[in-house]
Amino acid sequence: MATTVALRTRRFQAAAQLAGFRSDYALANAMEVERSTLSRVLKGSQRPGPLFIGGALKALAPLQFEDLFEVVPVRL
């Protein structure tokens, strides 16, 4: 079975709030991604790619990959 990476949305949003990010714009800027990319990933219409994952780990350090993301089966 194929797998992919999914965002743990609630954990991600809680971590961003605790880190002091009060807007998607501020968080996207810290992650070095477009705000529209952040929005699409949060809504589930786009999977997080390597730049999103790296940006999230940088902006929300010291959180680790497993805190923010999970490996899930691909839905076909």
PDB file of N, CA and C in Angstrom:
ATOM      1  N   MET A   1       0.839  -1.181   0.000  1.00  0.00           N
ATOM      2  CA  MET A   1       0.000   0.000   0.000  1.00  0.00           C
ATOM      3  C   MET A   1       0.888   1.251   0.000  1.00  0.00           C
ATOM      4  N   ALA A   2       0.575   2.174  -0.852  1.00  0.00           N
ATOM      5  CA  ALA A   2       1.327   3.429  -0.940  1.00  0.00           C
ATOM      6  C   ALA A   2       0.979   4.333   0.236  1.00  0.00           C
ATOM      7  N   THR A   3       1.949   5.137   0.636  1.00  0.00           N
ATOM      8  CA  THR A   3       1.743   6.069   1.737  1.00  0.00           C
ATOM      9  C   THR A   3       2.159   7.473   1.333  1.00  0.00           C
ATOM     10  N   THR A   4       1.711   8.430   2.119  1.00  0.00           N
ATOM     11  CA  THR A   4       2.071   9.829   1.919  1.00  0.00           C
ATOM     12  C   THR A   4       2.159  10.508   3.278  1.00  0.00           C
ATOM     13  N   VAL A   5       2.553  11.757   3.279  1.00  0.00           N
ATOM     14  CA  VAL A   5       2.662  12.538   4.508  1.00  0.00           C
ATOM     15  C   VAL A   5       1.439  13.440   4.622  1.00  0.00           C
ATOM     16  N   ALA A   6       0.847  13.469   5.813  1.00  0.00           N
ATOM     17  CA  ALA A   6      -0.304  14.329   6.087  1.00  0.00           C
ATOM     18  C   ALA A   6       0.018  15.233   7.273  1.00  0.00           C
ATOM     19  N   LEU A   7      -0.551  16.408   7.256  1.00  0.00           N
ATOM     20  CA  LEU A   7      -0.392  17.361   8.343  1.00  0.00           C
ATOM     21  C   LEU A   7      -1.316  16.984   9.497  1.00  0.00           C
ATOM     22  N   ARG A   8      -0.809  17.029  10.702  1.00  0.00           N
ATOM     23  CA  ARG A   8      -1.651  16.888  11.898  1.00  0.00           C
ATOM     24  C   ARG A   8      -2.195  18.297  12.165  1.00  0.00           C
ATOM     25  N   THR A   9      -3.293  18.618  11.503  1.00  0.00           N
ATOM     26  CA  THR A   9      -3.779  19.994  11.431  1.00  0.00           C
ATOM     27  C   THR A   9      -4.004  20.628  12.798  1.00  0.00           C
ATOM     28  N   ARG A  10      -4.703  19.950  13.675  1.00  0.00           N
ATOM     29  CA  ARG A  10      -4.985  20.549  14.996  1.00  0.00           C
ATOM     30  C   ARG A  10      -3.706  20.797  15.779  1.00  0.00           C
ATOM     31  N   ARG A  11      -2.807  19.844  15.763  1.00  0.00           N
ATOM     32  CA  ARG A  11      -1.533  20.016  16.474  1.00  0.00           C
ATOM     33  C   ARG A  11      -0.728  21.157  15.862  1.00  0.00           C
ATOM     34  N   PHE A  12      -0.718  21.210  14.533  1.00  0.00           N
ATOM     35  CA  PHE A  12       0.011  22.253  13.822  1.00  0.00           C
ATOM     36  C   PHE A  12      -0.525  23.631  14.204  1.00  0.00           C
ATOM     37  N   GLN A  13      -1.847  23.794  14.166  1.00  0.00           N
ATOM     38  CA  GLN A  13      -2.457  25.085  14.484  1.00  0.00           C
ATOM     39  C   GLN A  13      -2.227  25.464  15.944  1.00  0.00           C
ATOM     40  N   ALA A  14      -2.309  24.496  16.849  1.00  0.00           N
ATOM     41  CA  ALA A  14      -2.056  24.775  18.268  1.00  0.00           C
ATOM     42  C   ALA A  14      -0.604  25.193  18.477  1.00  0.00           C
ATOM     43  N   ALA A  15       0.320  24.512  17.806  1.00  0.00           N
ATOM     44  CA  ALA A  15       1.741  24.839  17.932  1.00  0.00           C
ATOM     45  C   ALA A  15       2.017  26.240  17.387  1.00  0.00           C
ATOM     46  N   ALA A  16       1.398  26.581  16.272  1.00  0.00           N
ATOM     47  CA  ALA A  16       1.596  27.908  15.680  1.00  0.00           C
ATOM     48  C   ALA A  16       1.085  28.993  16.626  1.00  0.00           C
ATOM     49  N   GLN A  17      -0.050  28.750  17.236  1.00  0.00           N
ATOM     50  CA  GLN A  17      -0.603  29.725  18.177  1.00  0.00           C
ATOM     51  C   GLN A  17       0.304  29.869  19.400  1.00  0.00           C
ATOM     52  N   LEU A  18       0.761  28.743  19.952  1.00  0.00           N
ATOM     53  CA  LEU A  18       1.666  28.790  21.104  1.00  0.00           C
ATOM     54  C   LEU A  18       2.986  29.475  20.770  1.00  0.00           C
ATOM     55  N   ALA A  19       3.413  29.361  19.520  1.00  0.00           N
ATOM     56  CA  ALA A  19       4.656  30.003  19.082  1.00  0.00           C
ATOM     57  C   ALA A  19       4.479  31.503  18.844  1.00  0.00           C
ATOM     58  N   GLY A  20       3.238  31.983  18.925  1.00  0.00           N
ATOM     59  CA  GLY A  20       2.988  33.412  18.794  1.00  0.00           C
ATOM     60  C   GLY A  20       2.579  33.881  17.420  1.00  0.00           C
ATOM     61  N   PHE A  21       2.335  32.958  16.492  1.00  0.00           N
ATOM     62  CA  PHE A  21       1.888  33.356  15.157  1.00  0.00           C
ATOM     63  C   PHE A  21       0.391  33.641  15.209  1.00  0.00           C
ATOM     64  N   ARG A  22       0.014  34.887  14.965  1.00  0.00           N
ATOM     65  CA  ARG A  22      -1.379  35.296  15.087  1.00  0.00           C
ATOM     66  C   ARG A  22      -2.116  35.364  13.754  1.00  0.00           C
ATOM     67  N   SER A  23      -1.402  35.075  12.675  1.00  0.00           N
ATOM     68  CA  SER A  23      -2.053  35.089  11.363  1.00  0.00           C
ATOM     69  C   SER A  23      -1.382  34.068  10.453  1.00  0.00           C
ATOM     70  N   ASP A  24      -2.126  33.617   9.455  1.00  0.00           N
ATOM     71  CA  ASP A  24      -1.557  32.715   8.460  1.00  0.00           C
ATOM     72  C   ASP A  24      -0.424  33.401   7.707  1.00  0.00           C
ATOM     73  N   TYR A  25      -0.577  34.701   7.486  1.00  0.00           N
ATOM     74  CA  TYR A  25       0.463  35.440   6.778  1.00  0.00           C
ATOM     75  C   TYR A  25       1.786  35.391   7.542  1.00  0.00           C
ATOM     76  N   ALA A  26       1.742  35.638   8.843  1.00  0.00           N
ATOM     77  CA  ALA A  26       2.961  35.634   9.652  1.00  0.00           C
ATOM     78  C   ALA A  26       3.592  34.247   9.676  1.00  0.00           C
ATOM     79  N   LEU A  27       2.766  33.221   9.819  1.00  0.00           N
ATOM     80  CA  LEU A  27       3.280  31.855   9.844  1.00  0.00           C
ATOM     81  C   LEU A  27       3.878  31.473   8.496  1.00  0.00           C
ATOM     82  N   ALA A  28       3.167  31.769   7.423  1.00  0.00           N
ATOM     83  CA  ALA A  28       3.674  31.454   6.081  1.00  0.00           C
ATOM     84  C   ALA A  28       4.993  32.174   5.823  1.00  0.00           C
ATOM     85  N   ASN A  29       5.092  33.406   6.252  1.00  0.00           N
ATOM     86  CA  ASN A  29       6.324  34.169   6.090  1.00  0.00           C
ATOM     87  C   ASN A  29       7.480  33.503   6.840  1.00  0.00           C
ATOM     88  N   ALA A  30       7.235  33.072   8.072  1.00  0.00           N
ATOM     89  CA  ALA A  30       8.275  32.402   8.857  1.00  0.00           C
ATOM     90  C   ALA A  30       8.664  31.056   8.240  1.00  0.00           C
ATOM     91  N   MET A  31       7.699  30.401   7.600  1.00  0.00           N
ATOM     92  CA  MET A  31       7.951  29.109   6.952  1.00  0.00           C
ATOM     93  C   MET A  31       8.578  29.272   5.574  1.00  0.00           C
ATOM     94  N   GLU A  32       8.550  30.494   5.046  1.00  0.00           N
ATOM     95  CA  GLU A  32       9.040  30.799   3.706  1.00  0.00           C
ATOM     96  C   GLU A  32       8.241  30.052   2.630  1.00  0.00           C
ATOM     97  N   VAL A  33       6.911  30.042   2.806  1.00  0.00           N
ATOM     98  CA  VAL A  33       5.993  29.510   1.800  1.00  0.00           C
ATOM     99  C   VAL A  33       4.926  30.557   1.535  1.00  0.00           C
ATOM    100  N   GLU A  34       4.217  30.410   0.439  1.00  0.00           N
ATOM    101  CA  GLU A  34       3.122  31.325   0.127  1.00  0.00           C
ATOM    102  C   GLU A  34       1.966  31.086   1.101  1.00  0.00           C
ATOM    103  N   ARG A  35       1.268  32.152   1.436  1.00  0.00           N
ATOM    104  CA  ARG A  35       0.116  32.029   2.318  1.00  0.00           C
ATOM    105  C   ARG A  35      -0.938  31.119   1.707  1.00  0.00           C
ATOM    106  N   SER A  36      -1.086  31.167   0.401  1.00  0.00           N
ATOM    107  CA  SER A  36      -2.056  30.312  -0.278  1.00  0.00           C
ATOM    108  C   SER A  36      -1.678  28.831  -0.144  1.00  0.00           C
ATOM    109  N   THR A  37      -0.399  28.531  -0.142  1.00  0.00           N
ATOM    110  CA  THR A  37       0.053  27.149   0.065  1.00  0.00           C
ATOM    111  C   THR A  37      -0.315  26.698   1.469  1.00  0.00           C
ATOM    112  N   LEU A  38      -0.028  27.534   2.457  1.00  0.00           N
ATOM    113  CA  LEU A  38      -0.389  27.212   3.838  1.00  0.00           C
ATOM    114  C   LEU A  38      -1.882  26.972   3.951  1.00  0.00           C
ATOM    115  N   SER A  39      -2.665  27.822   3.351  1.00  0.00           N
ATOM    116  CA  SER A  39      -4.121  27.690   3.407  1.00  0.00           C
ATOM    117  C   SER A  39      -4.598  26.387   2.779  1.00  0.00           C
ATOM    118  N   ARG A  40      -4.062  26.037   1.616  1.00  0.00           N
ATOM    119  CA  ARG A  40      -4.477  24.802   0.948  1.00  0.00           C
ATOM    120  C   ARG A  40      -4.100  23.562   1.749  1.00  0.00           C
ATOM    121  N   VAL A  41      -2.918  23.567   2.357  1.00  0.00           N
ATOM    122  CA  VAL A  41      -2.513  22.420   3.177  1.00  0.00           C
ATOM    123  C   VAL A  41      -3.402  22.322   4.410  1.00  0.00           C
ATOM    124  N   LEU A  42      -3.690  23.449   5.057  1.00  0.00           N
ATOM    125  CA  LEU A  42      -4.554  23.442   6.236  1.00  0.00           C
ATOM    126  C   LEU A  42      -5.963  22.942   5.904  1.00  0.00           C
ATOM    127  N   LYS A  43      -6.452  23.273   4.722  1.00  0.00           N
ATOM    128  CA  LYS A  43      -7.794  22.837   4.305  1.00  0.00           C
ATOM    129  C   LYS A  43      -7.814  21.390   3.821  1.00  0.00           C
ATOM    130  N   GLY A  44      -6.645  20.829   3.566  1.00  0.00           N
ATOM    131  CA  GLY A  44      -6.562  19.455   3.097  1.00  0.00           C
ATOM    132  C   GLY A  44      -6.674  19.291   1.597  1.00  0.00           C
ATOM    133  N   SER A  45      -6.673  20.380   0.858  1.00  0.00           N
ATOM    134  CA  SER A  45      -6.769  20.288  -0.598  1.00  0.00           C
ATOM    135  C   SER A  45      -5.401  20.118  -1.261  1.00  0.00           C
ATOM    136  N   GLN A  46      -4.338  20.228  -0.475  1.00  0.00           N
ATOM    137  CA  GLN A  46      -2.974  20.026  -0.973  1.00  0.00           C
ATOM    138  C   GLN A  46      -2.194  19.278   0.092  1.00  0.00           C
ATOM    139  N   ARG A  47      -1.365  18.340  -0.333  1.00  0.00           N
ATOM    140  CA  ARG A  47      -0.500  17.629   0.601  1.00  0.00           C
ATOM    141  C   ARG A  47       0.728  18.474   0.907  1.00  0.00           C
ATOM    142  N   PRO A  48       1.268  18.367   2.109  1.00  0.00           N
ATOM    143  CA  PRO A  48       2.482  19.120   2.411  1.00  0.00           C
ATOM    144  C   PRO A  48       3.674  18.545   1.652  1.00  0.00           C
ATOM    145  N   GLY A  49       4.371  19.403   0.957  1.00  0.00           N
ATOM    146  CA  GLY A  49       5.564  18.990   0.226  1.00  0.00           C
ATOM    147  C   GLY A  49       6.811  19.245   1.054  1.00  0.00           C
ATOM    148  N   PRO A  50       7.978  18.958   0.487  1.00  0.00           N
ATOM    149  CA  PRO A  50       9.226  19.108   1.235  1.00  0.00           C
ATOM    150  C   PRO A  50       9.494  20.531   1.721  1.00  0.00           C
ATOM    151  N   LEU A  51       9.180  21.540   0.920  1.00  0.00           N
ATOM    152  CA  LEU A  51       9.414  22.918   1.346  1.00  0.00           C
ATOM    153  C   LEU A  51       8.491  23.299   2.493  1.00  0.00           C
ATOM    154  N   PHE A  52       7.242  22.835   2.442  1.00  0.00           N
ATOM    155  CA  PHE A  52       6.287  23.088   3.525  1.00  0.00           C
ATOM    156  C   PHE A  52       6.767  22.406   4.802  1.00  0.00           C
ATOM    157  N   ILE A  53       7.144  21.150   4.696  1.00  0.00           N
ATOM    158  CA  ILE A  53       7.585  20.388   5.866  1.00  0.00           C
ATOM    159  C   ILE A  53       8.824  21.026   6.484  1.00  0.00           C
ATOM    160  N   GLY A  54       9.801  21.337   5.656  1.00  0.00           N
ATOM    161  CA  GLY A  54      11.021  21.981   6.163  1.00  0.00           C
ATOM    162  C   GLY A  54      10.731  23.329   6.801  1.00  0.00           C
ATOM    163  N   GLY A  55       9.875  24.113   6.167  1.00  0.00           N
ATOM    164  CA  GLY A  55       9.508  25.418   6.718  1.00  0.00           C
ATOM    165  C   GLY A  55       8.781  25.309   8.043  1.00  0.00           C
ATOM    166  N   ALA A  56       7.891  24.329   8.143  1.00  0.00           N
ATOM    167  CA  ALA A  56       7.154  24.120   9.388  1.00  0.00           C
ATOM    168  C   ALA A  56       8.104  23.731  10.515  1.00  0.00           C
ATOM    169  N   LEU A  57       9.027  22.835  10.227  1.00  0.00           N
ATOM    170  CA  LEU A  57       9.973  22.390  11.256  1.00  0.00           C
ATOM    171  C   LEU A  57      10.897  23.533  11.688  1.00  0.00           C
ATOM    172  N   LYS A  58      11.247  24.404  10.757  1.00  0.00           N
ATOM    173  CA  LYS A  58      12.082  25.565  11.081  1.00  0.00           C
ATOM    174  C   LYS A  58      11.297  26.579  11.917  1.00  0.00           C
ATOM    175  N   ALA A  59      10.087  26.898  11.484  1.00  0.00           N
ATOM    176  CA  ALA A  59       9.288  27.931  12.156  1.00  0.00           C
ATOM    177  C   ALA A  59       8.779  27.471  13.519  1.00  0.00           C
ATOM    178  N   LEU A  60       8.548  26.184  13.673  1.00  0.00           N
ATOM    179  CA  LEU A  60       7.960  25.671  14.909  1.00  0.00           C
ATOM    180  C   LEU A  60       8.942  24.840  15.729  1.00  0.00           C
ATOM    181  N   ALA A  61      10.235  25.071  15.530  1.00  0.00           N
ATOM    182  CA  ALA A  61      11.260  24.375  16.322  1.00  0.00           C
ATOM    183  C   ALA A  61      11.024  24.694  17.798  1.00  0.00           C
ATOM    184  N   PRO A  62      11.220  23.770  18.671  1.00  0.00           N
ATOM    185  CA  PRO A  62      11.922  22.501  18.564  1.00  0.00           C
ATOM    186  C   PRO A  62      11.028  21.305  18.242  1.00  0.00           C
ATOM    187  N   LEU A  63       9.809  21.534  17.742  1.00  0.00           N
ATOM    188  CA  LEU A  63       8.951  20.401  17.404  1.00  0.00           C
ATOM    189  C   LEU A  63       9.601  19.556  16.320  1.00  0.00           C
ATOM    190  N   GLN A  64       9.302  18.280  16.338  1.00  0.00           N
ATOM    191  CA  GLN A  64       9.873  17.322  15.403  1.00  0.00           C
ATOM    192  C   GLN A  64       8.828  16.914  14.368  1.00  0.00           C
ATOM    193  N   PHE A  65       9.284  16.220  13.337  1.00  0.00           N
ATOM    194  CA  PHE A  65       8.408  15.766  12.256  1.00  0.00           C
ATOM    195  C   PHE A  65       7.169  15.064  12.798  1.00  0.00           C
ATOM    196  N   GLU A  66       7.356  14.118  13.715  1.00  0.00           N
ATOM    197  CA  GLU A  66       6.252  13.315  14.230  1.00  0.00           C
ATOM    198  C   GLU A  66       5.234  14.135  15.014  1.00  0.00           C
ATOM    199  N   ASP A  67       5.638  15.303  15.510  1.00  0.00           N
ATOM    200  CA  ASP A  67       4.708  16.177  16.233  1.00  0.00           C
ATOM    201  C   ASP A  67       3.709  16.844  15.300  1.00  0.00           C
ATOM    202  N   LEU A  68       4.129  17.113  14.072  1.00  0.00           N
ATOM    203  CA  LEU A  68       3.325  17.902  13.140  1.00  0.00           C
ATOM    204  C   LEU A  68       2.776  17.115  11.957  1.00  0.00           C
ATOM    205  N   PHE A  69       3.383  15.970  11.658  1.00  0.00           N
ATOM    206  CA  PHE A  69       3.016  15.221  10.460  1.00  0.00           C
ATOM    207  C   PHE A  69       2.860  13.751  10.797  1.00  0.00           C
ATOM    208  N   GLU A  70       2.150  13.044   9.927  1.00  0.00           N
ATOM    209  CA  GLU A  70       2.026  11.602  10.069  1.00  0.00           C
ATOM    210  C   GLU A  70       2.061  10.956   8.691  1.00  0.00           C
ATOM    211  N   VAL A  71       2.468   9.710   8.644  1.00  0.00           N
ATOM    212  CA  VAL A  71       2.488   8.948   7.406  1.00  0.00           C
ATOM    213  C   VAL A  71       1.177   8.174   7.350  1.00  0.00           C
ATOM    214  N   VAL A  72       0.439   8.358   6.249  1.00  0.00           N
ATOM    215  CA  VAL A  72      -0.885   7.759   6.092  1.00  0.00           C
ATOM    216  C   VAL A  72      -0.996   7.052   4.741  1.00  0.00           C
ATOM    217  N   PRO A  73      -1.930   6.110   4.620  1.00  0.00           N
ATOM    218  CA  PRO A  73      -2.150   5.476   3.312  1.00  0.00           C
ATOM    219  C   PRO A  73      -2.661   6.496   2.299  1.00  0.00           C
ATOM    220  N   VAL A  74      -2.273   6.315   1.060  1.00  0.00           N
ATOM    221  CA  VAL A  74      -2.748   7.185  -0.023  1.00  0.00           C
ATOM    222  C   VAL A  74      -4.187   6.814  -0.343  1.00  0.00           C
ATOM    223  N   ARG A  75      -5.026   7.830  -0.415  1.00  0.00           N
ATOM    224  CA  ARG A  75      -6.429   7.617  -0.824  1.00  0.00           C
ATOM    225  C   ARG A  75      -6.514   7.776  -2.323  1.00  0.00           C
ATOM    226  N   LEU A  76      -6.921   6.742  -2.987  1.00  0.00           N
ATOM    227  CA  LEU A  76      -7.038   6.793  -4.456  1.00  0.00           C
ATOM    228  C   LEU A  76      -8.449   7.069  -4.894  1.00  0.00           C
TER     229      LEU A  76
END
